Amino acid sequence: MKDLTKLAHTRCFMLDMDGTFYLGDRLLPGALEFLELMERRGTRCMFLTNNSSRSRKEYVAKLARFGVEIDEGAIFTSGEATALWLRRERPGARICVIGTPALEDEFRRFGFELVEKDPEAVVLGFDTTLTYEKLCRLCDFARAGLPYIATHPDINCPTESGFIPDIGAMMELVATSTGRRPDIIIGKPYAPMAEALAVKTGLDLEQITMVGDRLYTDIALGRNGLSTVLVLSGETTAEDLEDSEFTPDYVMRDLAELVETLEEIGEPS
């Protein structure tokens, strides 16, 4: 029988959203049941997403449409994590943000001045409002050698109708044109995100379990000391595991199976 010790000792579950909790405008199996179980057990649960195209307020509103009532403090995005990192490294800097209006507002909230000319750094997010003009601006700043920060590495974003290009695809275009890749990537699976989680929760990383559908982000985050659960309800298939360098601690069909497993374990130890 699989050793379930790590799940039993978890004090906070970090839930990915797209492909884990919902897909497009459809809740995935076990989503609401998982939250109900967390409330009954008194176990913390937060939503952690690499998607930097939306604000925390937008995620709260989307979850409310599913009947999930939470406050903004239970949402943590790679956009917020990037703003936190930049505030520590370059407080109040003039930055160029290649991202959605929601991401721009996130950086303004942290005291940054957003500019299109003469920035001190450039930030690339998952920009669903990307234009050729913005792309050229990003490449110009990359060629000029400005600090280049990316919010996360995801290649594709899952939707109900299939996958759409995410920030990772944009980074490849910039690299082909300029020879530059981001100096630092903040989101899952990188250390800055793990460090931010420890600060935000006040827990040791060993007490946190990441639940998600991507091997190279959600599961790879486990290399920083978290436990990981792969759900096969989004991007990753069982066949993908065979040749993957990233090994989850647990593999579940979906959140419904995770609920069943946690109920078998009983109350947290």
Protein backbone atom coordinates (compact mmCIF):
# COMPACT_ATOMS: atom_id res chain seq x y z
CA MET A 1 0.00 0.00 0.00
CA LYS A 2 1.21 3.49 -0.84
CA ASP A 3 2.76 5.33 2.10
CA LEU A 4 0.33 8.16 2.86
CA THR A 5 2.38 9.76 5.63
CA LYS A 6 3.03 12.99 3.74
CA LEU A 7 -0.68 13.50 3.09
CA ALA A 8 -1.50 12.73 6.71
CA HIS A 9 0.98 15.36 7.93
CA THR A 10 -0.11 18.10 5.51
CA ARG A 11 -1.14 21.34 7.21
CA CYS A 12 -1.93 23.28 4.04
CA PHE A 13 -2.95 22.15 0.57
CA MET A 14 -2.06 24.38 -2.36
CA LEU A 15 -4.54 23.83 -5.18
CA ASP A 16 -3.75 24.66 -8.76
CA MET A 17 -6.79 26.02 -10.60
CA ASP A 18 -6.84 25.45 -14.37
CA GLY A 19 -6.95 21.72 -15.00
CA THR A 20 -7.14 20.85 -11.30
CA PHE A 21 -10.11 22.60 -9.71
CA TYR A 22 -11.88 23.67 -12.88
CA LEU A 23 -11.47 23.63 -16.64
CA GLY A 24 -12.77 26.74 -18.34
CA ASP A 25 -16.25 27.28 -16.90
CA ARG A 26 -16.68 23.72 -15.63
CA LEU A 27 -15.85 22.45 -12.15
CA LEU A 28 -13.82 19.24 -12.16
CA PRO A 29 -14.90 16.15 -10.19
CA GLY A 30 -14.37 16.42 -6.45
CA ALA A 31 -13.67 20.16 -6.42
CA LEU A 32 -16.39 21.24 -4.00
CA GLU A 33 -16.12 18.03 -1.99
CA PHE A 34 -12.41 18.71 -1.44
CA LEU A 35 -13.10 22.16 0.01
CA GLU A 36 -15.83 20.75 2.23
CA LEU A 37 -13.44 18.09 3.52
CA MET A 38 -10.76 20.69 4.26
CA GLU A 39 -13.27 22.72 6.28
CA ARG A 40 -14.38 19.67 8.26
CA ARG A 41 -10.80 18.66 8.99
CA GLY A 42 -9.67 22.18 9.84
CA THR A 43 -6.90 21.94 7.22
CA ARG A 44 -5.85 25.08 5.40
CA CYS A 45 -6.37 25.26 1.67
CA MET A 46 -5.25 27.95 -0.76
CA PHE A 47 -5.46 28.39 -4.51
CA LEU A 48 -2.10 28.76 -6.21
CA THR A 49 -1.92 29.57 -9.88
CA ASN A 50 0.82 30.44 -12.33
CA ASN A 51 -1.72 32.25 -14.50
CA SER A 52 -0.74 35.92 -14.21
CA SER A 53 -3.35 37.17 -16.68
CA ARG A 54 -5.98 37.60 -13.97
CA SER A 55 -6.09 39.43 -10.65
CA ARG A 56 -6.96 37.85 -7.32
CA LYS A 57 -10.26 39.75 -7.40
CA GLU A 58 -11.11 38.15 -10.76
CA TYR A 59 -10.34 34.69 -9.40
CA VAL A 60 -12.53 35.32 -6.35
CA ALA A 61 -15.36 36.36 -8.68
CA LYS A 62 -14.89 33.31 -10.89
CA LEU A 63 -14.89 30.94 -7.93
CA ALA A 64 -18.02 32.66 -6.59
CA ARG A 65 -19.79 31.71 -9.82
CA PHE A 66 -19.04 28.10 -8.90
CA GLY A 67 -20.53 28.65 -5.45
CA VAL A 68 -17.13 28.94 -3.73
CA GLU A 69 -16.96 31.89 -1.34
CA ILE A 70 -13.40 32.86 -0.39
CA ASP A 71 -11.50 36.08 0.20
CA GLU A 72 -8.57 37.36 -1.84
CA GLY A 73 -6.12 36.19 0.80
CA ALA A 74 -6.79 32.57 -0.22
CA ILE A 75 -5.56 33.26 -3.77
CA PHE A 76 -1.88 33.47 -4.65
CA THR A 77 -0.80 34.12 -8.23
CA SER A 78 2.57 34.23 -9.93
CA GLY A 79 1.80 37.88 -10.67
CA GLU A 80 1.57 38.72 -6.97
CA ALA A 81 4.67 36.63 -6.23
CA THR A 82 6.59 38.52 -8.94
CA ALA A 83 5.49 41.89 -7.57
CA LEU A 84 6.57 40.82 -4.09
CA TRP A 85 9.97 39.71 -5.38
CA LEU A 86 10.51 42.93 -7.34
CA ARG A 87 9.43 45.06 -4.38
CA ARG A 88 12.19 43.42 -2.37
CA GLU A 89 14.80 43.71 -5.13
CA ARG A 90 13.83 47.03 -6.79
CA PRO A 91 11.24 48.87 -4.67
CA GLY A 92 9.39 51.61 -6.55
CA ALA A 93 11.24 50.92 -9.80
CA ARG A 94 10.08 52.10 -13.20
CA ILE A 95 9.09 48.92 -15.00
CA CYS A 96 7.57 47.90 -18.29
CA VAL A 97 4.93 45.21 -17.83
CA ILE A 98 4.01 43.09 -20.83
CA GLY A 99 0.77 41.74 -19.47
CA THR A 100 -2.95 42.21 -19.08
CA PRO A 101 -4.52 45.26 -17.41
CA ALA A 102 -5.09 43.04 -14.36
CA LEU A 103 -1.35 42.32 -14.07
CA GLU A 104 -0.54 45.98 -14.54
CA ASP A 105 -2.89 46.85 -11.68
CA GLU A 106 -1.16 44.25 -9.48
CA PHE A 107 2.18 46.01 -9.93
CA ARG A 108 0.70 49.44 -9.34
CA ARG A 109 -0.76 48.08 -6.09
CA PHE A 110 2.80 47.30 -4.97
CA GLY A 111 4.00 50.84 -5.70
CA PHE A 112 5.66 50.44 -9.08
CA GLU A 113 5.62 53.06 -11.83
CA LEU A 114 4.62 51.45 -15.12
CA VAL A 115 6.24 52.95 -18.21
CA GLU A 116 6.72 52.16 -21.89
CA LYS A 117 9.96 54.14 -22.28
CA ASP A 118 13.22 54.00 -20.33
CA PRO A 119 12.22 51.34 -17.76
CA GLU A 120 14.62 49.92 -15.20
CA ALA A 121 13.31 46.38 -15.80
CA VAL A 122 10.83 44.53 -17.99
CA VAL A 123 8.31 41.94 -16.76
CA LEU A 124 6.64 39.40 -19.01
CA GLY A 125 3.36 37.87 -17.88
CA PHE A 126 0.79 35.65 -19.57
CA ASP A 127 -0.49 38.39 -21.85
CA THR A 128 -3.81 37.53 -23.47
CA THR A 129 -3.85 41.14 -24.76
CA LEU A 130 -0.47 40.79 -26.50
CA THR A 131 0.02 42.97 -29.57
CA TYR A 132 2.85 43.12 -32.08
CA GLU A 133 3.76 46.54 -30.72
CA LYS A 134 4.10 45.18 -27.18
CA LEU A 135 6.11 42.22 -28.45
CA CYS A 136 8.56 44.51 -30.26
CA ARG A 137 8.91 46.63 -27.12
CA LEU A 138 9.75 43.54 -25.07
CA CYS A 139 12.35 42.39 -27.60
CA ASP A 140 13.93 45.86 -27.73
CA PHE A 141 14.34 45.93 -23.95
CA ALA A 142 15.68 42.37 -23.93
CA ARG A 143 18.29 43.25 -26.57
CA ALA A 144 19.24 46.34 -24.58
CA GLY A 145 20.17 44.09 -21.66
CA LEU A 146 17.56 45.30 -19.18
CA PRO A 147 16.68 42.98 -16.29
CA TYR A 148 14.09 40.60 -17.75
CA ILE A 149 11.69 38.86 -15.36
CA ALA A 150 8.98 36.33 -16.22
CA THR A 151 6.07 35.57 -13.93
CA HIS A 152 6.01 31.81 -14.68
CA PRO A 153 7.14 29.23 -17.27
CA ASP A 154 3.91 27.52 -18.45
CA ILE A 155 3.99 26.66 -22.14
CA ASN A 156 0.25 26.16 -22.64
CA CYS A 157 -2.90 27.14 -20.78
CA PRO A 158 -5.67 24.50 -20.73
CA THR A 159 -9.20 25.50 -21.76
CA GLU A 160 -12.38 23.55 -22.40
CA SER A 161 -11.70 23.70 -26.15
CA GLY A 162 -8.02 22.74 -25.95
CA PHE A 163 -4.72 24.42 -25.16
CA ILE A 164 -3.75 28.02 -25.91
CA PRO A 165 -0.19 29.43 -25.95
CA ASP A 166 0.96 30.59 -22.53
CA ILE A 167 3.97 32.64 -21.45
CA GLY A 168 6.48 29.85 -22.16
CA ALA A 169 5.65 30.06 -25.86
CA MET A 170 6.11 33.83 -25.73
CA MET A 171 9.52 33.41 -24.08
CA GLU A 172 10.63 31.13 -26.90
CA LEU A 173 9.67 33.73 -29.49
CA VAL A 174 11.65 36.40 -27.63
CA ALA A 175 14.64 34.05 -27.27
CA THR A 176 14.64 33.27 -30.98
CA SER A 177 14.54 36.97 -31.85
CA THR A 178 16.96 38.32 -29.23
CA GLY A 179 19.01 35.44 -27.83
CA ARG A 180 17.78 36.41 -24.35
CA ARG A 181 15.84 34.33 -21.90
CA PRO A 182 14.46 35.69 -18.62
CA ASP A 183 17.06 36.41 -15.96
CA ILE A 184 14.66 34.96 -13.40
CA ILE A 185 11.33 33.15 -13.50
CA ILE A 186 9.27 33.54 -10.34
CA GLY A 187 6.34 31.09 -10.48
CA LYS A 188 6.10 27.33 -10.07
CA PRO A 189 8.40 25.36 -10.01
CA TYR A 190 11.07 27.86 -9.04
CA ALA A 191 12.48 28.61 -5.59
CA PRO A 192 11.12 32.18 -5.35
CA MET A 193 7.58 30.79 -5.43
CA ALA A 194 8.35 28.17 -2.78
CA GLU A 195 9.96 30.82 -0.59
CA ALA A 196 6.90 33.03 -1.00
CA LEU A 197 4.60 30.16 0.03
CA ALA A 198 6.55 29.58 3.24
CA VAL A 199 6.29 33.28 4.09
CA LYS A 200 2.61 33.54 3.18
CA THR A 201 1.54 30.45 5.16
CA GLY A 202 4.01 30.64 8.02
CA LEU A 203 4.63 26.90 7.58
CA ASP A 204 7.64 24.77 6.81
CA LEU A 205 7.58 23.59 3.22
CA GLU A 206 7.40 19.97 4.43
CA GLN A 207 3.95 20.78 5.86
CA ILE A 208 2.61 21.95 2.49
CA THR A 209 1.28 19.76 -0.32
CA MET A 210 0.95 21.03 -3.88
CA VAL A 211 -1.93 19.57 -5.90
CA GLY A 212 -1.83 20.16 -9.65
CA ASP A 213 -2.00 18.79 -13.17
CA ARG A 214 1.37 19.83 -14.63
CA LEU A 215 4.57 17.87 -14.17
CA TYR A 216 7.02 20.64 -15.02
CA THR A 217 5.42 23.26 -12.73
CA ASP A 218 3.19 21.81 -10.00
CA ILE A 219 5.11 18.57 -9.48
CA ALA A 220 8.54 20.06 -10.08
CA LEU A 221 7.79 22.53 -7.28
CA GLY A 222 8.24 19.54 -4.96
CA ARG A 223 12.00 19.74 -5.49
CA ASN A 224 11.92 22.68 -3.08
CA GLY A 225 10.67 20.48 -0.23
CA LEU A 226 6.89 20.33 -0.70
CA SER A 227 4.88 17.14 -1.11
CA THR A 228 3.08 16.81 -4.45
CA VAL A 229 -0.10 15.26 -5.80
CA LEU A 230 -0.55 14.93 -9.56
CA VAL A 231 -4.15 14.90 -10.77
CA LEU A 232 -4.84 13.56 -14.24
CA SER A 233 -7.73 15.93 -14.89
CA GLY A 234 -5.78 18.51 -16.89
CA GLU A 235 -2.64 18.64 -19.00
CA THR A 236 -0.80 15.50 -17.89
CA THR A 237 -1.73 11.95 -18.90
CA ALA A 238 -0.62 8.71 -17.26
CA GLU A 239 1.61 8.05 -20.29
CA ASP A 240 3.45 11.34 -19.72
CA LEU A 241 4.71 10.01 -16.40
CA GLU A 242 6.71 7.24 -18.02
CA ASP A 243 9.45 9.52 -19.38
CA SER A 244 9.15 12.41 -16.96
CA GLU A 245 12.06 13.62 -14.84
CA PHE A 246 9.52 14.88 -12.29
CA THR A 247 8.00 12.28 -9.98
CA PRO A 248 4.95 13.13 -7.87
CA ASP A 249 4.56 11.70 -4.40
CA TYR A 250 1.03 10.67 -5.31
CA VAL A 251 -0.99 10.31 -8.51
CA MET A 252 -4.76 10.71 -8.44
CA ARG A 253 -7.39 10.56 -11.14
CA ASP A 254 -8.81 13.88 -9.91
CA LEU A 255 -9.72 15.70 -6.72
CA ALA A 256 -12.53 13.21 -6.13
CA GLU A 257 -9.98 10.42 -5.71
CA LEU A 258 -7.90 12.64 -3.43
CA VAL A 259 -10.97 13.19 -1.26
CA GLU A 260 -11.52 9.43 -1.05
CA THR A 261 -7.89 8.87 -0.08
CA LEU A 262 -7.93 11.56 2.62
CA GLU A 263 -11.14 10.17 4.08
CA GLU A 264 -9.46 6.76 4.32
CA ILE A 265 -6.55 8.32 6.21
CA GLY A 266 -8.85 10.01 8.68
CA GLU A 267 -8.13 13.15 10.67
CA PRO A 268 -4.70 14.84 10.25
CA SER A 269 -2.05 13.40 12.53
